[in-house]
Amino acid sequence: MKTKMKVLTGAAVAIVLVGGIGGWMGFKDSPMNIPEMEEVEKVNPVGPTFNADSAYTYCDAQCAFGPRVMNSEAHAQCADWIVEKFRQYGCSVES
């Protein structure tokens, strides 16, 4: 049991040292050499704010189409409904 613990401890130390040395030597993939991230462009979401009651109503409406097996009538009707909902909220939809 003590031997296993020594091996595991030694392995953990080796991993830490290799990662540290890799960063110190400037290896590209080292976690110590992570480039600064650029500021992300802020996006203004389109659509309504989340409302639990509306979310439930939308789920209920989708389920009302019945089983939406691929290429079935219920699948096509539900897809059309979803596209129309997105358009109502000002989204651009490609189909």
C-alpha atoms as a PDB file:
ATOM      1  CA  MET A   1       0.000   0.000   0.000  1.00  0.00           C
ATOM      2  CA  LYS A   2       2.823   2.405   0.857  1.00  0.00           C
ATOM      3  CA  THR A   3       4.530   1.608  -2.444  1.00  0.00           C
ATOM      4  CA  LYS A   4       1.373   2.467  -4.401  1.00  0.00           C
ATOM      5  CA  MET A   5       1.086   5.748  -2.532  1.00  0.00           C
ATOM      6  CA  LYS A   6       4.724   6.621  -3.262  1.00  0.00           C
ATOM      7  CA  VAL A   7       4.251   5.839  -6.964  1.00  0.00           C
ATOM      8  CA  LEU A   8       1.087   7.936  -7.174  1.00  0.00           C
ATOM      9  CA  THR A   9       2.724  10.810  -5.321  1.00  0.00           C
ATOM     10  CA  GLY A  10       5.775  10.592  -7.575  1.00  0.00           C
ATOM     11  CA  ALA A  11       3.572  10.584 -10.674  1.00  0.00           C
ATOM     12  CA  ALA A  12       1.654  13.627  -9.458  1.00  0.00           C
ATOM     13  CA  VAL A  13       4.887  15.522  -8.746  1.00  0.00           C
ATOM     14  CA  ALA A  14       6.252  14.584 -12.185  1.00  0.00           C
ATOM     15  CA  ILE A  15       3.112  15.871 -13.917  1.00  0.00           C
ATOM     16  CA  VAL A  16       3.301  19.169 -12.051  1.00  0.00           C
ATOM     17  CA  LEU A  17       7.014  19.552 -12.814  1.00  0.00           C
ATOM     18  CA  VAL A  18       6.635  18.744 -16.507  1.00  0.00           C
ATOM     19  CA  GLY A  19       3.782  21.241 -16.811  1.00  0.00           C
ATOM     20  CA  GLY A  20       5.784  23.905 -15.002  1.00  0.00           C
ATOM     21  CA  ILE A  21       8.962  23.290 -16.979  1.00  0.00           C
ATOM     22  CA  GLY A  22       7.005  23.230 -20.232  1.00  0.00           C
ATOM     23  CA  GLY A  23       5.584  26.657 -19.437  1.00  0.00           C
ATOM     24  CA  TRP A  24       8.972  27.960 -18.350  1.00  0.00           C
ATOM     25  CA  MET A  25      10.620  26.746 -21.545  1.00  0.00           C
ATOM     26  CA  GLY A  26       7.814  28.213 -23.650  1.00  0.00           C
ATOM     27  CA  PHE A  27       6.258  25.046 -25.028  1.00  0.00           C
ATOM     28  CA  LYS A  28       3.175  25.964 -26.978  1.00  0.00           C
ATOM     29  CA  ASP A  29       0.766  23.475 -25.412  1.00  0.00           C
ATOM     30  CA  SER A  30       1.778  24.100 -21.817  1.00  0.00           C
ATOM     31  CA  PRO A  31      -1.008  25.300 -19.504  1.00  0.00           C
ATOM     32  CA  MET A  32       1.465  27.895 -18.229  1.00  0.00           C
ATOM     33  CA  ASN A  33       1.575  29.540 -21.677  1.00  0.00           C
ATOM     34  CA  ILE A  34      -2.076  30.480 -22.230  1.00  0.00           C
ATOM     35  CA  PRO A  35      -2.488  33.559 -24.453  1.00  0.00           C
ATOM     36  CA  GLU A  36      -4.663  36.411 -23.297  1.00  0.00           C
ATOM     37  CA  MET A  37      -8.167  36.198 -24.676  1.00  0.00           C
ATOM     38  CA  GLU A  38      -9.472  39.031 -26.789  1.00  0.00           C
ATOM     39  CA  GLU A  39     -12.541  40.847 -25.586  1.00  0.00           C
ATOM     40  CA  VAL A  40     -15.603  39.138 -27.009  1.00  0.00           C
ATOM     41  CA  GLU A  41     -17.979  41.218 -29.088  1.00  0.00           C
ATOM     42  CA  LYS A  42     -21.159  41.838 -27.132  1.00  0.00           C
ATOM     43  CA  VAL A  43     -24.304  40.553 -28.791  1.00  0.00           C
ATOM     44  CA  ASN A  44     -27.768  41.899 -28.211  1.00  0.00           C
ATOM     45  CA  PRO A  45     -30.093  38.901 -28.127  1.00  0.00           C
ATOM     46  CA  VAL A  46     -33.244  38.982 -30.220  1.00  0.00           C
ATOM     47  CA  GLY A  47     -36.469  37.707 -28.762  1.00  0.00           C
ATOM     48  CA  PRO A  48     -38.425  37.861 -25.555  1.00  0.00           C
ATOM     49  CA  THR A  49     -36.969  37.565 -22.093  1.00  0.00           C
ATOM     50  CA  PHE A  50     -37.400  34.156 -20.503  1.00  0.00           C
ATOM     51  CA  ASN A  51     -40.755  33.547 -18.870  1.00  0.00           C
ATOM     52  CA  ALA A  52     -41.482  30.175 -17.257  1.00  0.00           C
ATOM     53  CA  ASP A  53     -45.182  30.290 -18.099  1.00  0.00           C
ATOM     54  CA  SER A  54     -44.474  31.031 -21.764  1.00  0.00           C
ATOM     55  CA  ALA A  55     -41.828  28.293 -21.878  1.00  0.00           C
ATOM     56  CA  TYR A  56     -44.360  25.787 -20.583  1.00  0.00           C
ATOM     57  CA  THR A  57     -46.948  26.978 -23.111  1.00  0.00           C
ATOM     58  CA  TYR A  58     -44.441  26.615 -25.985  1.00  0.00           C
ATOM     59  CA  CYS A  59     -43.513  23.096 -24.869  1.00  0.00           C
ATOM     60  CA  ASP A  60     -47.197  22.221 -24.632  1.00  0.00           C
ATOM     61  CA  ALA A  61     -47.835  23.591 -28.123  1.00  0.00           C
ATOM     62  CA  GLN A  62     -44.977  21.518 -29.570  1.00  0.00           C
ATOM     63  CA  CYS A  63     -46.242  18.364 -27.865  1.00  0.00           C
ATOM     64  CA  ALA A  64     -49.743  19.008 -29.253  1.00  0.00           C
ATOM     65  CA  PHE A  65     -48.430  18.229 -32.751  1.00  0.00           C
ATOM     66  CA  GLY A  66     -48.028  14.624 -31.628  1.00  0.00           C
ATOM     67  CA  PRO A  67     -45.006  12.396 -32.151  1.00  0.00           C
ATOM     68  CA  ARG A  68     -42.572  14.337 -34.339  1.00  0.00           C
ATOM     69  CA  VAL A  69     -40.914  11.473 -36.140  1.00  0.00           C
ATOM     70  CA  MET A  70     -38.576  12.702 -38.892  1.00  0.00           C
ATOM     71  CA  ASN A  71     -40.347  13.456 -42.192  1.00  0.00           C
ATOM     72  CA  SER A  72     -43.810  12.993 -40.669  1.00  0.00           C
ATOM     73  CA  GLU A  73     -46.630  15.520 -40.990  1.00  0.00           C
ATOM     74  CA  ALA A  74     -46.360  16.379 -37.270  1.00  0.00           C
ATOM     75  CA  HIS A  75     -42.629  17.015 -37.702  1.00  0.00           C
ATOM     76  CA  ALA A  76     -43.231  19.405 -40.616  1.00  0.00           C
ATOM     77  CA  GLN A  77     -46.044  21.234 -38.810  1.00  0.00           C
ATOM     78  CA  CYS A  78     -43.966  21.694 -35.668  1.00  0.00           C
ATOM     79  CA  ALA A  79     -40.979  22.932 -37.691  1.00  0.00           C
ATOM     80  CA  ASP A  80     -43.183  25.485 -39.471  1.00  0.00           C
ATOM     81  CA  TRP A  81     -44.617  26.601 -36.125  1.00  0.00           C
ATOM     82  CA  ILE A  82     -41.137  27.070 -34.631  1.00  0.00           C
ATOM     83  CA  VAL A  83     -39.949  29.047 -37.676  1.00  0.00           C
ATOM     84  CA  GLU A  84     -43.005  31.300 -37.457  1.00  0.00           C
ATOM     85  CA  LYS A  85     -42.464  31.887 -33.712  1.00  0.00           C
ATOM     86  CA  PHE A  86     -38.859  32.945 -34.327  1.00  0.00           C
ATOM     87  CA  ARG A  87     -39.959  35.297 -37.113  1.00  0.00           C
ATOM     88  CA  GLN A  88     -42.612  36.814 -34.813  1.00  0.00           C
ATOM     89  CA  TYR A  89     -39.788  37.720 -32.427  1.00  0.00           C
ATOM     90  CA  GLY A  90     -37.755  39.371 -35.165  1.00  0.00           C
ATOM     91  CA  CYS A  91     -35.304  36.579 -35.867  1.00  0.00           C
ATOM     92  CA  SER A  92     -34.010  35.845 -39.331  1.00  0.00           C
ATOM     93  CA  VAL A  93     -34.685  32.202 -40.119  1.00  0.00           C
ATOM     94  CA  GLU A  94     -33.155  30.094 -42.879  1.00  0.00           C
ATOM     95  CA  SER A  95     -34.860  26.856 -43.764  1.00  0.00           C
END
